[in-house]
Amino acid sequence: LARDLIYSPDGTVVSYEEQITEASLPPVVLSAVKTRYPKASFTRIEKLFEKGTMTYEIALKGAGVSEAVLTPEGKWFAPKQK
């Protein structure tokens, strides 16, 4: 699995993205995606940290959308709730 890190000149981590497995997703995130897109399969899952915010970005197949982005608490960033 891959990990990308960006550091500021003082060595502080500015952002990172890490490819993770479905088993590594918080249960609330997994449940939220499977509830909204029950027939979708996951093609790529990344844990992202940027500007103090953690999100999970999940590439989907068979969902009618290409990706879902959620907070660790299972709140949706994208696509927005209708």
C-alpha atoms as a PDB file:
ATOM      1  CA  LEU A   1       0.000   0.000   0.000  1.00  0.00           C
ATOM      2  CA  ALA A   2       1.206   3.495  -0.852  1.00  0.00           C
ATOM      3  CA  ARG A   3       1.675   6.610   1.283  1.00  0.00           C
ATOM      4  CA  ASP A   4       2.429  10.181   0.151  1.00  0.00           C
ATOM      5  CA  LEU A   5       3.653  12.821   2.610  1.00  0.00           C
ATOM      6  CA  ILE A   6       4.183  16.566   2.195  1.00  0.00           C
ATOM      7  CA  TYR A   7       6.301  18.390   4.768  1.00  0.00           C
ATOM      8  CA  SER A   8       6.737  22.092   5.474  1.00  0.00           C
ATOM      9  CA  PRO A   9      10.324  23.456   5.585  1.00  0.00           C
ATOM     10  CA  ASP A  10      10.341  23.066   9.393  1.00  0.00           C
ATOM     11  CA  GLY A  11       9.556  19.333   9.114  1.00  0.00           C
ATOM     12  CA  THR A  12       5.874  19.524  10.080  1.00  0.00           C
ATOM     13  CA  VAL A  13       3.579  17.229   8.100  1.00  0.00           C
ATOM     14  CA  VAL A  14       1.325  19.412   5.933  1.00  0.00           C
ATOM     15  CA  SER A  15      -0.638  16.594   4.354  1.00  0.00           C
ATOM     16  CA  TYR A  16      -0.526  12.904   3.712  1.00  0.00           C
ATOM     17  CA  GLU A  17      -2.522  10.310   1.877  1.00  0.00           C
ATOM     18  CA  GLU A  18      -2.274   6.631   2.563  1.00  0.00           C
ATOM     19  CA  GLN A  19      -3.847   3.781   0.665  1.00  0.00           C
ATOM     20  CA  ILE A  20      -5.635   1.456   3.092  1.00  0.00           C
ATOM     21  CA  THR A  21      -7.731  -1.703   2.974  1.00  0.00           C
ATOM     22  CA  GLU A  22     -11.484  -1.959   3.442  1.00  0.00           C
ATOM     23  CA  ALA A  23     -10.818  -3.686   6.778  1.00  0.00           C
ATOM     24  CA  SER A  24      -8.972  -0.537   7.951  1.00  0.00           C
ATOM     25  CA  LEU A  25     -11.984   1.753   7.428  1.00  0.00           C
ATOM     26  CA  PRO A  26     -13.796   2.837  10.583  1.00  0.00           C
ATOM     27  CA  PRO A  27     -17.001   0.747  10.841  1.00  0.00           C
ATOM     28  CA  VAL A  28     -19.184   3.889  10.732  1.00  0.00           C
ATOM     29  CA  VAL A  29     -17.589   4.959   7.413  1.00  0.00           C
ATOM     30  CA  LEU A  30     -17.959   1.505   5.898  1.00  0.00           C
ATOM     31  CA  SER A  31     -21.595   1.325   7.028  1.00  0.00           C
ATOM     32  CA  ALA A  32     -22.431   4.775   5.620  1.00  0.00           C
ATOM     33  CA  VAL A  33     -21.044   3.911   2.180  1.00  0.00           C
ATOM     34  CA  LYS A  34     -22.614   0.450   2.049  1.00  0.00           C
ATOM     35  CA  THR A  35     -25.982   1.879   3.141  1.00  0.00           C
ATOM     36  CA  ARG A  36     -25.993   4.568   0.439  1.00  0.00           C
ATOM     37  CA  TYR A  37     -24.411   2.383  -2.282  1.00  0.00           C
ATOM     38  CA  PRO A  38     -25.255  -1.250  -1.410  1.00  0.00           C
ATOM     39  CA  LYS A  39     -24.239  -2.644  -4.824  1.00  0.00           C
ATOM     40  CA  ALA A  40     -20.984  -0.706  -5.135  1.00  0.00           C
ATOM     41  CA  SER A  41     -17.547  -2.231  -4.912  1.00  0.00           C
ATOM     42  CA  PHE A  42     -14.495  -0.373  -3.632  1.00  0.00           C
ATOM     43  CA  THR A  43     -11.662   0.026  -6.134  1.00  0.00           C
ATOM     44  CA  ARG A  44      -9.349   2.212  -4.009  1.00  0.00           C
ATOM     45  CA  ILE A  45      -9.484   3.519  -0.452  1.00  0.00           C
ATOM     46  CA  GLU A  46      -7.309   6.331   0.894  1.00  0.00           C
ATOM     47  CA  LYS A  47      -7.010   7.992   4.276  1.00  0.00           C
ATOM     48  CA  LEU A  48      -6.261  11.684   3.743  1.00  0.00           C
ATOM     49  CA  PHE A  49      -5.008  14.336   6.150  1.00  0.00           C
ATOM     50  CA  GLU A  50      -4.794  17.961   5.049  1.00  0.00           C
ATOM     51  CA  LYS A  51      -4.944  21.236   6.977  1.00  0.00           C
ATOM     52  CA  GLY A  52      -5.826  19.451  10.206  1.00  0.00           C
ATOM     53  CA  THR A  53      -8.719  17.471   8.685  1.00  0.00           C
ATOM     54  CA  MET A  54      -8.866  13.694   8.240  1.00  0.00           C
ATOM     55  CA  THR A  55     -11.092  12.177   5.562  1.00  0.00           C
ATOM     56  CA  TYR A  56     -11.535   8.868   3.799  1.00  0.00           C
ATOM     57  CA  GLU A  57     -11.729   8.873  -0.001  1.00  0.00           C
ATOM     58  CA  ILE A  58     -13.272   5.760  -1.517  1.00  0.00           C
ATOM     59  CA  ALA A  59     -13.252   5.086  -5.268  1.00  0.00           C
ATOM     60  CA  LEU A  60     -16.438   3.230  -6.190  1.00  0.00           C
ATOM     61  CA  LYS A  61     -17.541   1.001  -9.040  1.00  0.00           C
ATOM     62  CA  GLY A  62     -21.212   0.339  -9.757  1.00  0.00           C
ATOM     63  CA  ALA A  63     -22.502   3.189  -7.582  1.00  0.00           C
ATOM     64  CA  GLY A  64     -23.432   5.798 -10.176  1.00  0.00           C
ATOM     65  CA  VAL A  65     -20.716   8.035  -8.683  1.00  0.00           C
ATOM     66  CA  SER A  66     -16.962   7.608  -8.944  1.00  0.00           C
ATOM     67  CA  GLU A  67     -16.034   8.359  -5.346  1.00  0.00           C
ATOM     68  CA  ALA A  68     -17.240   9.032  -1.836  1.00  0.00           C
ATOM     69  CA  VAL A  69     -15.471  11.227   0.726  1.00  0.00           C
ATOM     70  CA  LEU A  70     -16.380  10.940   4.404  1.00  0.00           C
ATOM     71  CA  THR A  71     -15.091  12.065   7.790  1.00  0.00           C
ATOM     72  CA  PRO A  72     -13.902   9.466  10.330  1.00  0.00           C
ATOM     73  CA  GLU A  73     -17.317   9.913  11.994  1.00  0.00           C
ATOM     74  CA  GLY A  74     -19.143   8.877   8.794  1.00  0.00           C
ATOM     75  CA  LYS A  75     -20.295  12.358   7.716  1.00  0.00           C
ATOM     76  CA  TRP A  76     -20.385  12.937   3.955  1.00  0.00           C
ATOM     77  CA  PHE A  77     -18.181  15.477   2.156  1.00  0.00           C
ATOM     78  CA  ALA A  78     -18.938  14.141  -1.334  1.00  0.00           C
ATOM     79  CA  PRO A  79     -21.222  13.477  -2.954  1.00  0.00           C
ATOM     80  CA  LYS A  80     -23.453  15.763  -0.949  1.00  0.00           C
ATOM     81  CA  GLN A  81     -26.615  14.326   0.586  1.00  0.00           C
ATOM     82  CA  LYS A  82     -29.649  14.999  -1.619  1.00  0.00           C
END
